[in-house]
Structure formats: structure tokens, C-alpha cells
Amino acid sequence: MKNKNKTILKPWGRYEILEKKPCHWIKKLFVRKGEELSLQSHKNRREIWVVLSGEIKAIRGNSCLKMKEGDLVEIGRKEKHRIIGIKTSQILEIAFGKVGEKDIIRFKDDYGRIK
């Protein structure tokens, strides 16, 4: 069964849900140059990011990785992480585990979304 792509607008850009199942999802993130996603972690899922175009800084734990087209990184459960757009970029995000937006624990956020 195919899922229709759904676009979600965010202050840092947008993402499209390419596939969503109970134990995984696949998203395509569009991050604008100079924008940052929240520094966050997830209790119930791990993620793999693949840079499709552009250039980003990927914060993973205490590491800062400069990534370009074709690079990938894996983010573990409970590991703090963040994407920063060095250039306008597209990133494929594949999440495994119990997936859902309610599993976000935010530590830093430029857009006032920490509760």
C-alpha cells in the first residue's frame, strides 16, 4: 500500500513524508541555508540521514560532522542530534523503531518550541 506524500511546513524549511509504517518512516527534509533544526533526541527511534544535495553540519552527541551530497550518518536512540543548513539542502531521513513526532525531546530550539 502506497502512502501519498504529505508536505509539512517547518520554520527551518519543510519535509515530505514519503512512507510511514508503524516501525519505520522515510522523510525528505528541505533545510534552508542558515537554518537549524532543534537539538533533540528520541527515546523510541533511531535515524539514518543521507544528504541528497547541499551541505549541512550534523550534530551527533558531542561530534560536529560537515556533510555533503552522498554522505550519511546514523543517529542512535536517545542520542542528541541537530541539522544545520550550511547551504540549502535536501536530506533523506529513515527512522526505525516506534516512529512519531511526539517522540521529540527538545534541548535547544531557535523557534521557541521547547515546552
PDB file of N, CA and C in Angstrom:
ATOM      1  N   MET A   1       0.841  -1.182   0.000  1.00  0.00           N
ATOM      2  CA  MET A   1       0.000   0.000   0.000  1.00  0.00           C
ATOM      3  C   MET A   1       0.879   1.236   0.000  1.00  0.00           C
ATOM      4  N   LYS A   2       0.649   2.158  -0.910  1.00  0.00           N
ATOM      5  CA  LYS A   2       1.453   3.365  -1.002  1.00  0.00           C
ATOM      6  C   LYS A   2       0.803   4.481  -0.208  1.00  0.00           C
ATOM      7  N   ASN A   3       1.653   5.312   0.402  1.00  0.00           N
ATOM      8  CA  ASN A   3       1.176   6.491   1.100  1.00  0.00           C
ATOM      9  C   ASN A   3       1.371   7.695   0.191  1.00  0.00           C
ATOM     10  N   LYS A   4       0.401   8.589   0.137  1.00  0.00           N
ATOM     11  CA  LYS A   4       0.543   9.818  -0.632  1.00  0.00           C
ATOM     12  C   LYS A   4       1.502  10.731   0.128  1.00  0.00           C
ATOM     13  N   ASN A   5       2.461  11.339  -0.592  1.00  0.00           N
ATOM     14  CA  ASN A   5       3.419  12.246   0.039  1.00  0.00           C
ATOM     15  C   ASN A   5       2.672  13.402   0.697  1.00  0.00           C
ATOM     16  N   LYS A   6       3.058  13.700   1.934  1.00  0.00           N
ATOM     17  CA  LYS A   6       2.444  14.778   2.678  1.00  0.00           C
ATOM     18  C   LYS A   6       3.536  15.776   3.039  1.00  0.00           C
ATOM     19  N   THR A   7       3.340  17.054   2.698  1.00  0.00           N
ATOM     20  CA  THR A   7       4.322  18.091   2.997  1.00  0.00           C
ATOM     21  C   THR A   7       3.959  18.789   4.297  1.00  0.00           C
ATOM     22  N   ILE A   8       4.948  18.910   5.186  1.00  0.00           N
ATOM     23  CA  ILE A   8       4.793  19.577   6.475  1.00  0.00           C
ATOM     24  C   ILE A   8       5.723  20.783   6.494  1.00  0.00           C
ATOM     25  N   LEU A   9       5.161  21.979   6.669  1.00  0.00           N
ATOM     26  CA  LEU A   9       5.965  23.197   6.742  1.00  0.00           C
ATOM     27  C   LEU A   9       6.552  23.358   8.137  1.00  0.00           C
ATOM     28  N   LYS A  10       7.818  23.762   8.195  1.00  0.00           N
ATOM     29  CA  LYS A  10       8.534  23.991   9.447  1.00  0.00           C
ATOM     30  C   LYS A  10       9.239  25.336   9.358  1.00  0.00           C
ATOM     31  N   PRO A  11       9.599  25.945  10.488  1.00  0.00           N
ATOM     32  CA  PRO A  11      10.284  27.239  10.414  1.00  0.00           C
ATOM     33  C   PRO A  11      11.646  27.169   9.729  1.00  0.00           C
ATOM     34  N   TRP A  12      12.274  26.005   9.697  1.00  0.00           N
ATOM     35  CA  TRP A  12      13.581  25.817   9.064  1.00  0.00           C
ATOM     36  C   TRP A  12      13.486  25.384   7.603  1.00  0.00           C
ATOM     37  N   GLY A  13      12.280  25.109   7.127  1.00  0.00           N
ATOM     38  CA  GLY A  13      12.059  24.625   5.762  1.00  0.00           C
ATOM     39  C   GLY A  13      10.793  23.799   5.700  1.00  0.00           C
ATOM     40  N   ARG A  14      10.926  22.546   5.275  1.00  0.00           N
ATOM     41  CA  ARG A  14       9.772  21.646   5.207  1.00  0.00           C
ATOM     42  C   ARG A  14      10.262  20.208   5.106  1.00  0.00           C
ATOM     43  N   TYR A  15       9.320  19.276   5.252  1.00  0.00           N
ATOM     44  CA  TYR A  15       9.639  17.885   4.940  1.00  0.00           C
ATOM     45  C   TYR A  15       8.443  17.219   4.295  1.00  0.00           C
ATOM     46  N   GLU A  16       8.741  16.177   3.530  1.00  0.00           N
ATOM     47  CA  GLU A  16       7.715  15.351   2.900  1.00  0.00           C
ATOM     48  C   GLU A  16       7.806  13.958   3.482  1.00  0.00           C
ATOM     49  N   ILE A  17       6.680  13.401   3.842  1.00  0.00           N
ATOM     50  CA  ILE A  17       6.620  12.015   4.290  1.00  0.00           C
ATOM     51  C   ILE A  17       6.482  11.149   3.044  1.00  0.00           C
ATOM     52  N   LEU A  18       7.513  10.371   2.763  1.00  0.00           N
ATOM     53  CA  LEU A  18       7.495   9.503   1.586  1.00  0.00           C
ATOM     54  C   LEU A  18       6.838   8.161   1.894  1.00  0.00           C
ATOM     55  N   GLU A  19       7.049   7.668   3.121  1.00  0.00           N
ATOM     56  CA  GLU A  19       6.443   6.406   3.552  1.00  0.00           C
ATOM     57  C   GLU A  19       6.374   6.405   5.068  1.00  0.00           C
ATOM     58  N   LYS A  20       5.270   5.934   5.602  1.00  0.00           N
ATOM     59  CA  LYS A  20       5.117   5.829   7.057  1.00  0.00           C
ATOM     60  C   LYS A  20       4.446   4.509   7.397  1.00  0.00           C
ATOM     61  N   LYS A  21       5.138   3.731   8.176  1.00  0.00           N
ATOM     62  CA  LYS A  21       4.644   2.446   8.670  1.00  0.00           C
ATOM     63  C   LYS A  21       4.795   2.453  10.184  1.00  0.00           C
ATOM     64  N   PRO A  22       4.221   1.498  10.910  1.00  0.00           N
ATOM     65  CA  PRO A  22       4.346   1.508  12.377  1.00  0.00           C
ATOM     66  C   PRO A  22       5.787   1.429  12.888  1.00  0.00           C
ATOM     67  N   CYS A  23       6.671   0.769  12.159  1.00  0.00           N
ATOM     68  CA  CYS A  23       8.039   0.559  12.652  1.00  0.00           C
ATOM     69  C   CYS A  23       9.107   1.326  11.876  1.00  0.00           C
ATOM     70  N   HIS A  24       8.715   2.133  10.884  1.00  0.00           N
ATOM     71  CA  HIS A  24       9.695   2.966  10.171  1.00  0.00           C
ATOM     72  C   HIS A  24       8.977   4.073   9.410  1.00  0.00           C
ATOM     73  N   TRP A  25       9.729   5.097   9.080  1.00  0.00           N
ATOM     74  CA  TRP A  25       9.243   6.094   8.137  1.00  0.00           C
ATOM     75  C   TRP A  25      10.401   6.617   7.312  1.00  0.00           C
ATOM     76  N   ILE A  26      10.050   7.188   6.183  1.00  0.00           N
ATOM     77  CA  ILE A  26      11.042   7.789   5.297  1.00  0.00           C
ATOM     78  C   ILE A  26      10.550   9.198   4.992  1.00  0.00           C
ATOM     79  N   LYS A  27      11.416  10.173   5.285  1.00  0.00           N
ATOM     80  CA  LYS A  27      11.089  11.579   5.044  1.00  0.00           C
ATOM     81  C   LYS A  27      12.163  12.194   4.154  1.00  0.00           C
ATOM     82  N   LYS A  28      11.770  13.210   3.418  1.00  0.00           N
ATOM     83  CA  LYS A  28      12.727  14.035   2.682  1.00  0.00           C
ATOM     84  C   LYS A  28      12.655  15.432   3.301  1.00  0.00           C
ATOM     85  N   LEU A  29      13.772  15.851   3.913  1.00  0.00           N
ATOM     86  CA  LEU A  29      13.843  17.154   4.556  1.00  0.00           C
ATOM     87  C   LEU A  29      14.406  18.181   3.588  1.00  0.00           C
ATOM     88  N   PHE A  30      13.859  19.370   3.604  1.00  0.00           N
ATOM     89  CA  PHE A  30      14.345  20.505   2.828  1.00  0.00           C
ATOM     90  C   PHE A  30      14.733  21.583   3.836  1.00  0.00           C
ATOM     91  N   VAL A  31      16.032  21.759   4.060  1.00  0.00           N
ATOM     92  CA  VAL A  31      16.536  22.677   5.076  1.00  0.00           C
ATOM     93  C   VAL A  31      17.147  23.891   4.377  1.00  0.00           C
ATOM     94  N   ARG A  32      16.668  25.080   4.755  1.00  0.00           N
ATOM     95  CA  ARG A  32      17.183  26.310   4.155  1.00  0.00           C
ATOM     96  C   ARG A  32      18.562  26.671   4.723  1.00  0.00           C
ATOM     97  N   LYS A  33      19.361  27.309   3.902  1.00  0.00           N
ATOM     98  CA  LYS A  33      20.682  27.791   4.310  1.00  0.00           C
ATOM     99  C   LYS A  33      20.548  28.666   5.554  1.00  0.00           C
ATOM    100  N   GLY A  34      21.402  28.386   6.558  1.00  0.00           N
ATOM    101  CA  GLY A  34      21.424  29.173   7.781  1.00  0.00           C
ATOM    102  C   GLY A  34      20.406  28.765   8.826  1.00  0.00           C
ATOM    103  N   GLU A  35      19.534  27.832   8.516  1.00  0.00           N
ATOM    104  CA  GLU A  35      18.508  27.394   9.474  1.00  0.00           C
ATOM    105  C   GLU A  35      18.973  26.155  10.229  1.00  0.00           C
ATOM    106  N   GLU A  36      18.410  25.966  11.429  1.00  0.00           N
ATOM    107  CA  GLU A  36      18.780  24.846  12.293  1.00  0.00           C
ATOM    108  C   GLU A  36      17.538  24.142  12.804  1.00  0.00           C
ATOM    109  N   LEU A  37      17.559  22.828  12.764  1.00  0.00           N
ATOM    110  CA  LEU A  37      16.520  22.067  13.441  1.00  0.00           C
ATOM    111  C   LEU A  37      16.831  22.087  14.933  1.00  0.00           C
ATOM    112  N   SER A  38      15.896  21.686  15.749  1.00  0.00           N
ATOM    113  CA  SER A  38      16.115  21.626  17.193  1.00  0.00           C
ATOM    114  C   SER A  38      17.258  20.675  17.527  1.00  0.00           C
ATOM    115  N   LEU A  39      17.990  20.998  18.604  1.00  0.00           N
ATOM    116  CA  LEU A  39      18.864  19.996  19.211  1.00  0.00           C
ATOM    117  C   LEU A  39      17.907  19.099  19.978  1.00  0.00           C
ATOM    118  N   GLN A  40      17.854  17.821  19.612  1.00  0.00           N
ATOM    119  CA  GLN A  40      16.813  16.928  20.116  1.00  0.00           C
ATOM    120  C   GLN A  40      17.319  15.504  20.252  1.00  0.00           C
ATOM    121  N   SER A  41      16.481  14.679  20.851  1.00  0.00           N
ATOM    122  CA  SER A  41      16.723  13.235  20.887  1.00  0.00           C
ATOM    123  C   SER A  41      15.375  12.534  20.805  1.00  0.00           C
ATOM    124  N   HIS A  42      15.434  11.210  20.638  1.00  0.00           N
ATOM    125  CA  HIS A  42      14.226  10.388  20.551  1.00  0.00           C
ATOM    126  C   HIS A  42      14.425   9.150  21.411  1.00  0.00           C
ATOM    127  N   LYS A  43      13.450   8.857  22.218  1.00  0.00           N
ATOM    128  CA  LYS A  43      13.526   7.694  23.098  1.00  0.00           C
ATOM    129  C   LYS A  43      13.244   6.395  22.348  1.00  0.00           C
ATOM    130  N   ASN A  44      12.401   6.462  21.324  1.00  0.00           N
ATOM    131  CA  ASN A  44      11.880   5.242  20.712  1.00  0.00           C
ATOM    132  C   ASN A  44      12.332   4.960  19.290  1.00  0.00           C
ATOM    133  N   ARG A  45      13.231   5.758  18.763  1.00  0.00           N
ATOM    134  CA  ARG A  45      13.649   5.504  17.381  1.00  0.00           C
ATOM    135  C   ARG A  45      15.097   5.909  17.147  1.00  0.00           C
ATOM    136  N   ARG A  46      15.683   5.312  16.099  1.00  0.00           N
ATOM    137  CA  ARG A  46      16.996   5.721  15.600  1.00  0.00           C
ATOM    138  C   ARG A  46      16.798   6.196  14.175  1.00  0.00           C
ATOM    139  N   GLU A  47      17.763   6.969  13.670  1.00  0.00           N
ATOM    140  CA  GLU A  47      17.614   7.558  12.343  1.00  0.00           C
ATOM    141  C   GLU A  47      18.887   7.403  11.530  1.00  0.00           C
ATOM    142  N   ILE A  48      18.709   7.374  10.232  1.00  0.00           N
ATOM    143  CA  ILE A  48      19.820   7.465   9.283  1.00  0.00           C
ATOM    144  C   ILE A  48      19.528   8.670   8.404  1.00  0.00           C
ATOM    145  N   TRP A  49      20.535   9.542   8.257  1.00  0.00           N
ATOM    146  CA  TRP A  49      20.406  10.695   7.370  1.00  0.00           C
ATOM    147  C   TRP A  49      21.331  10.508   6.180  1.00  0.00           C
ATOM    148  N   VAL A  50      20.822  10.778   4.987  1.00  0.00           N
ATOM    149  CA  VAL A  50      21.619  10.768   3.762  1.00  0.00           C
ATOM    150  C   VAL A  50      21.443  12.138   3.109  1.00  0.00           C
ATOM    151  N   VAL A  51      22.557  12.833   2.869  1.00  0.00           N
ATOM    152  CA  VAL A  51      22.486  14.142   2.224  1.00  0.00           C
ATOM    153  C   VAL A  51      22.317  13.920   0.714  1.00  0.00           C
ATOM    154  N   LEU A  52      21.202  14.403   0.179  1.00  0.00           N
ATOM    155  CA  LEU A  52      20.904  14.261  -1.249  1.00  0.00           C
ATOM    156  C   LEU A  52      21.461  15.424  -2.056  1.00  0.00           C
ATOM    157  N   SER A  53      21.463  16.607  -1.453  1.00  0.00           N
ATOM    158  CA  SER A  53      22.037  17.786  -2.107  1.00  0.00           C
ATOM    159  C   SER A  53      22.349  18.827  -1.038  1.00  0.00           C
ATOM    160  N   GLY A  54      23.245  19.745  -1.370  1.00  0.00           N
ATOM    161  CA  GLY A  54      23.602  20.812  -0.448  1.00  0.00           C
ATOM    162  C   GLY A  54      24.716  20.411   0.496  1.00  0.00           C
ATOM    163  N   GLU A  55      24.751  21.097   1.634  1.00  0.00           N
ATOM    164  CA  GLU A  55      25.786  20.856   2.632  1.00  0.00           C
ATOM    165  C   GLU A  55      25.222  21.205   4.007  1.00  0.00           C
ATOM    166  N   ILE A  56      25.478  20.356   4.985  1.00  0.00           N
ATOM    167  CA  ILE A  56      24.973  20.563   6.341  1.00  0.00           C
ATOM    168  C   ILE A  56      26.071  20.325   7.370  1.00  0.00           C
ATOM    169  N   LYS A  57      25.805  20.806   8.570  1.00  0.00           N
ATOM    170  CA  LYS A  57      26.533  20.359   9.754  1.00  0.00           C
ATOM    171  C   LYS A  57      25.572  19.433  10.471  1.00  0.00           C
ATOM    172  N   ALA A  58      26.037  18.249  10.809  1.00  0.00           N
ATOM    173  CA  ALA A  58      25.236  17.297  11.567  1.00  0.00           C
ATOM    174  C   ALA A  58      25.833  17.208  12.962  1.00  0.00           C
ATOM    175  N   ILE A  59      25.060  17.589  13.953  1.00  0.00           N
ATOM    176  CA  ILE A  59      25.475  17.446  15.342  1.00  0.00           C
ATOM    177  C   ILE A  59      24.980  16.083  15.798  1.00  0.00           C
ATOM    178  N   ARG A  60      25.889  15.258  16.299  1.00  0.00           N
ATOM    179  CA  ARG A  60      25.548  13.926  16.797  1.00  0.00           C
ATOM    180  C   ARG A  60      26.317  13.729  18.092  1.00  0.00           C
ATOM    181  N   GLY A  61      25.603  13.729  19.214  1.00  0.00           N
ATOM    182  CA  GLY A  61      26.284  13.649  20.505  1.00  0.00           C
ATOM    183  C   GLY A  61      27.209  14.839  20.659  1.00  0.00           C
ATOM    184  N   ASN A  62      28.485  14.581  20.908  1.00  0.00           N
ATOM    185  CA  ASN A  62      29.479  15.642  21.042  1.00  0.00           C
ATOM    186  C   ASN A  62      30.240  15.912  19.753  1.00  0.00           C
ATOM    187  N   SER A  63      29.831  15.284  18.651  1.00  0.00           N
ATOM    188  CA  SER A  63      30.524  15.436  17.369  1.00  0.00           C
ATOM    189  C   SER A  63      29.787  16.411  16.464  1.00  0.00           C
ATOM    190  N   CYS A  64      30.547  17.132  15.638  1.00  0.00           N
ATOM    191  CA  CYS A  64      30.000  18.005  14.608  1.00  0.00           C
ATOM    192  C   CYS A  64      30.586  17.550  13.280  1.00  0.00           C
ATOM    193  N   LEU A  65      29.734  17.034  12.397  1.00  0.00           N
ATOM    194  CA  LEU A  65      30.181  16.496  11.117  1.00  0.00           C
ATOM    195  C   LEU A  65      29.746  17.412   9.990  1.00  0.00           C
ATOM    196  N   LYS A  66      30.673  17.794   9.123  1.00  0.00           N
ATOM    197  CA  LYS A  66      30.324  18.545   7.929  1.00  0.00           C
ATOM    198  C   LYS A  66      29.993  17.515   6.855  1.00  0.00           C
ATOM    199  N   MET A  67      28.794  17.595   6.297  1.00  0.00           N
ATOM    200  CA  MET A  67      28.322  16.587   5.357  1.00  0.00           C
ATOM    201  C   MET A  67      27.893  17.231   4.045  1.00  0.00           C
ATOM    202  N   LYS A  68      28.148  16.512   2.948  1.00  0.00           N
ATOM    203  CA  LYS A  68      27.767  16.967   1.616  1.00  0.00           C
ATOM    204  C   LYS A  68      27.033  15.823   0.908  1.00  0.00           C
ATOM    205  N   GLU A  69      26.637  16.084  -0.323  1.00  0.00           N
ATOM    206  CA  GLU A  69      25.893  15.106  -1.114  1.00  0.00           C
ATOM    207  C   GLU A  69      26.560  13.733  -1.080  1.00  0.00           C
ATOM    208  N   GLY A  70      25.777  12.709  -0.749  1.00  0.00           N
ATOM    209  CA  GLY A  70      26.265  11.329  -0.714  1.00  0.00           C
ATOM    210  C   GLY A  70      26.722  10.864   0.658  1.00  0.00           C
ATOM    211  N   ASP A  71      26.919  11.793   1.605  1.00  0.00           N
ATOM    212  CA  ASP A  71      27.344  11.408   2.959  1.00  0.00           C
ATOM    213  C   ASP A  71      26.147  10.912   3.755  1.00  0.00           C
ATOM    214  N   LEU A  72      26.417   9.999   4.694  1.00  0.00           N
ATOM    215  CA  LEU A  72      25.351   9.529   5.578  1.00  0.00           C
ATOM    216  C   LEU A  72      25.867   9.379   6.999  1.00  0.00           C
ATOM    217  N   VAL A  73      24.932   9.430   7.939  1.00  0.00           N
ATOM    218  CA  VAL A  73      25.255   9.294   9.354  1.00  0.00           C
ATOM    219  C   VAL A  73      24.082   8.586  10.028  1.00  0.00           C
ATOM    220  N   GLU A  74      24.391   7.798  11.047  1.00  0.00           N
ATOM    221  CA  GLU A  74      23.356   7.133  11.834  1.00  0.00           C
ATOM    222  C   GLU A  74      23.272   7.787  13.201  1.00  0.00           C
ATOM    223  N   ILE A  75      22.053   8.045  13.650  1.00  0.00           N
ATOM    224  CA  ILE A  75      21.772   8.654  14.946  1.00  0.00           C
ATOM    225  C   ILE A  75      21.114   7.581  15.811  1.00  0.00           C
ATOM    226  N   GLY A  76      21.699   7.296  16.957  1.00  0.00           N
ATOM    227  CA  GLY A  76      21.154   6.268  17.845  1.00  0.00           C
ATOM    228  C   GLY A  76      19.988   6.760  18.689  1.00  0.00           C
ATOM    229  N   ARG A  77      19.238   5.821  19.238  1.00  0.00           N
ATOM    230  CA  ARG A  77      18.181   6.169  20.188  1.00  0.00           C
ATOM    231  C   ARG A  77      18.800   6.961  21.346  1.00  0.00           C
ATOM    232  N   LYS A  78      18.090   7.975  21.787  1.00  0.00           N
ATOM    233  CA  LYS A  78      18.470   8.827  22.920  1.00  0.00           C
ATOM    234  C   LYS A  78      19.704   9.693  22.653  1.00  0.00           C
ATOM    235  N   GLU A  79      20.261   9.663  21.435  1.00  0.00           N
ATOM    236  CA  GLU A  79      21.435  10.461  21.106  1.00  0.00           C
ATOM    237  C   GLU A  79      20.994  11.866  20.678  1.00  0.00           C
ATOM    238  N   LYS A  80      21.580  12.893  21.271  1.00  0.00           N
ATOM    239  CA  LYS A  80      21.264  14.265  20.886  1.00  0.00           C
ATOM    240  C   LYS A  80      21.768  14.508  19.472  1.00  0.00           C
ATOM    241  N   HIS A  81      20.955  15.235  18.692  1.00  0.00           N
ATOM    242  CA  HIS A  81      21.319  15.489  17.297  1.00  0.00           C
ATOM    243  C   HIS A  81      20.637  16.746  16.778  1.00  0.00           C
ATOM    244  N   ARG A  82      21.219  17.273  15.684  1.00  0.00           N
ATOM    245  CA  ARG A  82      20.699  18.501  15.075  1.00  0.00           C
ATOM    246  C   ARG A  82      21.252  18.622  13.659  1.00  0.00           C
ATOM    247  N   ILE A  83      20.471  19.202  12.766  1.00  0.00           N
ATOM    248  CA  ILE A  83      20.917  19.526  11.414  1.00  0.00           C
ATOM    249  C   ILE A  83      20.989  21.035  11.296  1.00  0.00           C
ATOM    250  N   ILE A  84      22.098  21.525  10.726  1.00  0.00           N
ATOM    251  CA  ILE A  84      22.288  22.948  10.458  1.00  0.00           C
ATOM    252  C   ILE A  84      22.571  23.090   8.962  1.00  0.00           C
ATOM    253  N   GLY A  85      21.805  23.929   8.290  1.00  0.00           N
ATOM    254  CA  GLY A  85      21.979  24.115   6.850  1.00  0.00           C
ATOM    255  C   GLY A  85      23.123  25.063   6.534  1.00  0.00           C
ATOM    256  N   ILE A  86      24.241  24.523   6.046  1.00  0.00           N
ATOM    257  CA  ILE A  86      25.345  25.362   5.559  1.00  0.00           C
ATOM    258  C   ILE A  86      24.927  25.956   4.215  1.00  0.00           C
ATOM    259  N   LYS A  87      24.346  25.123   3.366  1.00  0.00           N
ATOM    260  CA  LYS A  87      23.727  25.531   2.103  1.00  0.00           C
ATOM    261  C   LYS A  87      22.297  24.994   2.146  1.00  0.00           C
ATOM    262  N   THR A  88      21.432  25.498   1.308  1.00  0.00           N
ATOM    263  CA  THR A  88      20.106  24.907   1.196  1.00  0.00           C
ATOM    264  C   THR A  88      20.298  23.442   0.802  1.00  0.00           C
ATOM    265  N   SER A  89      19.659  22.539   1.555  1.00  0.00           N
ATOM    266  CA  SER A  89      19.966  21.108   1.428  1.00  0.00           C
ATOM    267  C   SER A  89      18.718  20.250   1.427  1.00  0.00           C
ATOM    268  N   GLN A  90      18.869  19.054   0.857  1.00  0.00           N
ATOM    269  CA  GLN A  90      17.853  18.010   0.922  1.00  0.00           C
ATOM    270  C   GLN A  90      18.474  16.802   1.604  1.00  0.00           C
ATOM    271  N   ILE A  91      17.768  16.272   2.597  1.00  0.00           N
ATOM    272  CA  ILE A  91      18.268  15.138   3.378  1.00  0.00           C
ATOM    273  C   ILE A  91      17.189  14.064   3.413  1.00  0.00           C
ATOM    274  N   LEU A  92      17.567  12.845   3.139  1.00  0.00           N
ATOM    275  CA  LEU A  92      16.671  11.707   3.302  1.00  0.00           C
ATOM    276  C   LEU A  92      16.827  11.217   4.735  1.00  0.00           C
ATOM    277  N   GLU A  93      15.724  11.139   5.461  1.00  0.00           N
ATOM    278  CA  GLU A  93      15.741  10.645   6.838  1.00  0.00           C
ATOM    279  C   GLU A  93      14.962   9.338   6.886  1.00  0.00           C
ATOM    280  N   ILE A  94      15.622   8.297   7.363  1.00  0.00           N
ATOM    281  CA  ILE A  94      14.975   6.992   7.538  1.00  0.00           C
ATOM    282  C   ILE A  94      14.996   6.690   9.027  1.00  0.00           C
ATOM    283  N   ALA A  95      13.829   6.519   9.618  1.00  0.00           N
ATOM    284  CA  ALA A  95      13.717   6.274  11.054  1.00  0.00           C
ATOM    285  C   ALA A  95      13.201   4.859  11.278  1.00  0.00           C
ATOM    286  N   PHE A  96      13.765   4.207  12.299  1.00  0.00           N
ATOM    287  CA  PHE A  96      13.384   2.843  12.669  1.00  0.00           C
ATOM    288  C   PHE A  96      13.007   2.809  14.138  1.00  0.00           C
ATOM    289  N   GLY A  97      11.990   2.045  14.464  1.00  0.00           N
ATOM    290  CA  GLY A  97      11.523   1.927  15.839  1.00  0.00           C
ATOM    291  C   GLY A  97      10.078   2.385  15.906  1.00  0.00           C
ATOM    292  N   LYS A  98       9.676   2.863  17.063  1.00  0.00           N
ATOM    293  CA  LYS A  98       8.337   3.421  17.217  1.00  0.00           C
ATOM    294  C   LYS A  98       8.410   4.873  16.758  1.00  0.00           C
ATOM    295  N   VAL A  99       7.901   5.143  15.565  1.00  0.00           N
ATOM    296  CA  VAL A  99       8.065   6.465  14.965  1.00  0.00           C
ATOM    297  C   VAL A  99       6.855   7.350  15.241  1.00  0.00           C
ATOM    298  N   GLY A 100       7.123   8.631  15.384  1.00  0.00           N
ATOM    299  CA  GLY A 100       6.067   9.615  15.600  1.00  0.00           C
ATOM    300  C   GLY A 100       6.662  10.920  16.086  1.00  0.00           C
ATOM    301  N   GLU A 101       6.009  12.021  15.756  1.00  0.00           N
ATOM    302  CA  GLU A 101       6.514  13.339  16.124  1.00  0.00           C
ATOM    303  C   GLU A 101       6.438  13.597  17.635  1.00  0.00           C
ATOM    304  N   LYS A 102       5.631  12.858  18.359  1.00  0.00           N
ATOM    305  CA  LYS A 102       5.529  13.060  19.811  1.00  0.00           C
ATOM    306  C   LYS A 102       6.749  12.531  20.558  1.00  0.00           C
ATOM    307  N   ASP A 103       7.651  11.864  19.863  1.00  0.00           N
ATOM    308  CA  ASP A 103       8.856  11.285  20.467  1.00  0.00           C
ATOM    309  C   ASP A 103      10.038  12.266  20.442  1.00  0.00           C
ATOM    310  N   ILE A 104       9.778  13.552  20.230  1.00  0.00           N
ATOM    311  CA  ILE A 104      10.856  14.544  20.184  1.00  0.00           C
ATOM    312  C   ILE A 104      11.061  15.139  21.573  1.00  0.00           C
ATOM    313  N   ILE A 105      12.296  15.061  22.054  1.00  0.00           N
ATOM    314  CA  ILE A 105      12.707  15.751  23.283  1.00  0.00           C
ATOM    315  C   ILE A 105      13.640  16.870  22.826  1.00  0.00           C
ATOM    316  N   ARG A 106      13.201  18.125  22.984  1.00  0.00           N
ATOM    317  CA  ARG A 106      13.996  19.270  22.523  1.00  0.00           C
ATOM    318  C   ARG A 106      14.854  19.819  23.664  1.00  0.00           C
ATOM    319  N   PHE A 107      16.121  20.102  23.346  1.00  0.00           N
ATOM    320  CA  PHE A 107      17.055  20.685  24.298  1.00  0.00           C
ATOM    321  C   PHE A 107      17.349  22.147  23.967  1.00  0.00           C
ATOM    322  N   LYS A 108      17.441  22.460  22.668  1.00  0.00           N
ATOM    323  CA  LYS A 108      17.635  23.831  22.179  1.00  0.00           C
ATOM    324  C   LYS A 108      16.780  23.996  20.945  1.00  0.00           C
ATOM    325  N   ASP A 109      16.203  25.203  20.789  1.00  0.00           N
ATOM    326  CA  ASP A 109      15.364  25.444  19.623  1.00  0.00           C
ATOM    327  C   ASP A 109      15.330  26.943  19.341  1.00  0.00           C
ATOM    328  N   ASP A 110      15.618  27.317  18.115  1.00  0.00           N
ATOM    329  CA  ASP A 110      15.640  28.725  17.712  1.00  0.00           C
ATOM    330  C   ASP A 110      14.241  29.304  17.487  1.00  0.00           C
ATOM    331  N   TYR A 111      13.217  28.475  17.552  1.00  0.00           N
ATOM    332  CA  TYR A 111      11.871  28.905  17.182  1.00  0.00           C
ATOM    333  C   TYR A 111      10.880  28.824  18.350  1.00  0.00           C
ATOM    334  N   GLY A 112      11.367  28.730  19.589  1.00  0.00           N
ATOM    335  CA  GLY A 112      10.508  28.762  20.774  1.00  0.00           C
ATOM    336  C   GLY A 112       9.615  27.552  20.944  1.00  0.00           C
ATOM    337  N   ARG A 113      10.061  26.373  20.522  1.00  0.00           N
ATOM    338  CA  ARG A 113       9.224  25.172  20.618  1.00  0.00           C
ATOM    339  C   ARG A 113       9.569  24.263  21.794  1.00  0.00           C
ATOM    340  N   ILE A 114      10.379  24.725  22.721  1.00  0.00           N
ATOM    341  CA  ILE A 114      10.680  23.911  23.902  1.00  0.00           C
ATOM    342  C   ILE A 114       9.571  24.119  24.924  1.00  0.00           C
ATOM    343  N   LYS A 115       9.034  22.997  25.403  1.00  0.00           N
ATOM    344  CA  LYS A 115       7.921  23.073  26.378  1.00  0.00           C
ATOM    345  C   LYS A 115       8.455  22.900  27.786  1.00  0.00           C
TER     346      LYS A 115
END
